[in-house]
N, C-alpha and C. Protein backbone atom coordinates (compact mmCIF):
# COMPACT_ATOMS: atom_id res chain seq x y z
N MET A 1 0.79 -0.98 0.08
CA MET A 1 -0.16 0.16 -0.10
C MET A 1 0.87 0.92 0.00
N LEU A 2 0.56 2.37 -0.83
CA LEU A 2 1.20 3.25 -0.86
C LEU A 2 0.64 4.42 0.05
N ARG A 3 1.30 4.87 0.77
CA ARG A 3 0.78 6.19 1.94
C ARG A 3 1.06 7.29 1.43
N VAL A 4 0.78 8.71 1.17
CA VAL A 4 1.01 9.40 1.06
C VAL A 4 0.52 10.49 2.04
N HIS A 5 1.57 11.24 2.70
CA HIS A 5 0.94 12.49 3.74
C HIS A 5 1.22 13.54 3.49
N PHE A 6 0.39 14.78 3.71
CA PHE A 6 0.16 16.10 3.49
C PHE A 6 0.44 16.80 4.71
N THR A 7 1.53 17.73 4.46
CA THR A 7 1.32 18.81 5.76
C THR A 7 0.49 20.01 5.30
N ASP A 8 0.46 20.66 6.57
CA ASP A 8 -0.32 21.89 6.51
C ASP A 8 0.08 22.75 5.34
N ALA A 9 1.40 23.11 5.11
CA ALA A 9 1.67 23.68 3.93
C ALA A 9 1.17 23.10 2.69
N ASP A 10 1.36 22.02 2.46
CA ASP A 10 1.00 21.49 1.33
C ASP A 10 -0.69 21.48 0.70
N LEU A 11 -1.30 21.66 1.91
CA LEU A 11 -2.73 21.62 1.82
C LEU A 11 -3.10 23.34 1.81
N ALA A 12 -2.40 23.88 2.38
CA ALA A 12 -2.66 25.61 2.34
C ALA A 12 -2.50 25.91 0.62
N ALA A 13 -1.54 25.20 0.04
CA ALA A 13 -1.01 25.48 -1.43
C ALA A 13 -2.12 24.94 -2.45
N VAL A 14 -2.79 24.47 -1.68
CA VAL A 14 -4.45 23.75 -3.02
C VAL A 14 -5.12 24.91 -3.21
N HIS A 15 -5.06 24.83 -4.56
CA HIS A 15 -5.87 25.82 -5.38
C HIS A 15 -7.31 25.48 -6.06
N VAL A 16 -8.62 25.98 -5.89
CA VAL A 16 -9.64 25.24 -6.53
C VAL A 16 -9.66 26.09 -7.36
N ALA A 17 -10.31 25.78 -8.52
CA ALA A 17 -10.75 26.52 -9.78
C ALA A 17 -11.85 27.08 -9.68
N LEU A 18 -12.11 28.55 -10.14
CA LEU A 18 -13.75 29.15 -9.79
C LEU A 18 -14.84 28.47 -10.76
N ARG A 19 -14.09 28.14 -11.56
CA ARG A 19 -15.38 27.67 -12.71
C ARG A 19 -15.02 26.40 -13.45
N PRO A 20 -15.82 25.51 -14.09
CA PRO A 20 -15.29 24.70 -14.72
C PRO A 20 -14.30 25.16 -16.15
N ASP A 21 -13.53 24.14 -16.36
CA ASP A 21 -12.57 24.37 -17.76
C ASP A 21 -13.65 23.79 -18.95
N PRO A 22 -13.69 24.42 -19.90
CA PRO A 22 -14.48 23.99 -21.25
C PRO A 22 -13.70 22.77 -21.60
N LEU A 23 -12.35 22.99 -21.76
CA LEU A 23 -11.82 21.90 -22.54
C LEU A 23 -11.51 20.78 -21.91
N TRP A 24 -11.32 20.64 -20.44
CA TRP A 24 -11.69 19.77 -19.46
C TRP A 24 -12.85 18.70 -19.43
N GLU A 25 -14.08 19.68 -19.37
CA GLU A 25 -15.02 18.97 -19.42
C GLU A 25 -15.45 18.38 -20.94
N THR A 26 -15.09 18.58 -21.86
CA THR A 26 -15.27 18.09 -23.06
C THR A 26 -14.50 16.45 -22.83
N VAL A 27 -13.20 17.12 -22.67
CA VAL A 27 -12.05 15.51 -22.41
C VAL A 27 -12.89 14.24 -21.91
N LEU A 28 -13.13 15.03 -20.30
CA LEU A 28 -13.93 14.10 -19.42
C LEU A 28 -15.09 13.57 -19.94
N GLY A 29 -15.95 14.21 -20.48
CA GLY A 29 -17.05 13.97 -20.93
C GLY A 29 -17.08 12.75 -22.20
N LEU A 30 -16.14 13.26 -23.28
CA LEU A 30 -15.58 12.02 -24.25
C LEU A 30 -15.36 10.45 -23.49
N GLN A 31 -14.24 10.93 -22.80
CA GLN A 31 -14.03 9.72 -22.03
C GLN A 31 -15.06 8.93 -21.35
N GLN A 32 -16.24 9.25 -20.90
CA GLN A 32 -17.20 8.95 -20.16
C GLN A 32 -18.09 8.10 -21.38
N LEU A 33 -18.00 8.85 -22.70
CA LEU A 33 -19.03 7.96 -23.37
C LEU A 33 -18.09 6.79 -24.37
N THR A 34 -16.83 6.83 -24.67
CA THR A 34 -16.03 5.78 -25.03
C THR A 34 -15.27 4.52 -24.39
N HIS A 35 -15.60 5.17 -23.02
CA HIS A 35 -15.49 3.79 -22.02
C HIS A 35 -16.57 3.78 -21.25
N PRO A 36 -17.62 3.07 -21.51
CA PRO A 36 -18.56 3.05 -20.54
C PRO A 36 -18.31 1.71 -19.75
N GLY A 37 -18.91 1.99 -18.04
CA GLY A 37 -18.74 1.52 -17.31
C GLY A 37 -17.50 1.85 -16.36
N GLN A 38 -16.88 2.53 -16.63
CA GLN A 38 -15.83 2.49 -15.77
C GLN A 38 -15.57 3.96 -14.96
N GLY A 39 -16.35 4.87 -15.27
CA GLY A 39 -17.05 5.82 -14.48
C GLY A 39 -17.83 5.52 -12.97
N PRO A 40 -18.19 6.66 -12.48
CA PRO A 40 -19.04 6.48 -11.49
C PRO A 40 -20.45 5.82 -11.94
N VAL A 41 -21.17 5.09 -10.84
CA VAL A 41 -22.44 4.87 -11.50
C VAL A 41 -23.20 5.73 -11.54
N VAL A 42 -23.45 7.09 -11.29
CA VAL A 42 -24.25 8.16 -11.55
C VAL A 42 -24.26 8.61 -13.01
N PHE A 43 -23.18 8.25 -13.67
CA PHE A 43 -22.96 8.43 -15.12
C PHE A 43 -23.46 7.39 -15.98
N ALA A 44 -24.23 6.31 -15.62
CA ALA A 44 -24.41 5.06 -16.23
C ALA A 44 -25.63 5.28 -17.06
N ARG A 45 -26.77 5.71 -16.18
CA ARG A 45 -27.89 5.86 -17.12
C ARG A 45 -28.19 6.83 -18.25
N GLY A 46 -27.61 8.09 -18.17
CA GLY A 46 -27.97 8.88 -19.45
C GLY A 46 -26.69 8.62 -20.25
N GLY A 47 -25.37 7.96 -20.17
CA GLY A 47 -24.61 7.78 -21.06
C GLY A 47 -25.11 6.63 -22.00
N GLY A 48 -25.82 5.73 -21.65
CA GLY A 48 -26.26 4.67 -22.91
C GLY A 48 -27.11 5.27 -24.12
N THR A 49 -27.93 6.38 -23.17
CA THR A 49 -28.78 7.16 -24.42
C THR A 49 -28.30 8.24 -25.35
N LEU A 50 -27.03 8.53 -24.51
CA LEU A 50 -26.72 9.64 -25.50
C LEU A 50 -25.26 8.77 -26.07
N ARG A 51 -24.99 7.64 -25.99
CA ARG A 51 -23.65 7.15 -26.49
C ARG A 51 -24.91 6.19 -27.91
N GLN A 52 -25.89 5.92 -27.65
CA GLN A 52 -26.80 5.50 -28.86
C GLN A 52 -27.09 6.66 -30.18
N SER A 53 -27.09 7.96 -29.84
CA SER A 53 -27.49 9.22 -30.41
C SER A 53 -26.07 9.48 -30.99
N CYS A 54 -24.85 9.50 -30.61
CA CYS A 54 -23.82 9.82 -31.38
C CYS A 54 -23.13 9.21 -32.48
N PRO A 55 -22.48 9.83 -33.54
CA PRO A 55 -22.09 9.02 -34.24
C PRO A 55 -20.92 8.00 -33.99
N SER A 56 -20.86 6.99 -34.91
CA SER A 56 -19.81 5.87 -34.32
C SER A 56 -18.28 6.23 -34.54
N ALA A 57 -18.12 7.38 -35.22
CA ALA A 57 -16.71 7.69 -34.97
C ALA A 57 -15.95 8.22 -33.66
N ILE A 58 -17.16 8.61 -32.91
CA ILE A 58 -16.68 8.78 -31.55
C ILE A 58 -16.20 7.88 -30.57
């Protein structure tokens, strides 16, 4: 098992984006469509319907 320990300084240096990045949203969305069953269960229901309506080139 690999254990990673973070110090208070490490956690204080973490920045959270103010809004989603459109490019990353697109990349991660395509990942969900092209690799069904590997993401969280919450995406399973709508992904099948959307996957059927997309061109086979995706």
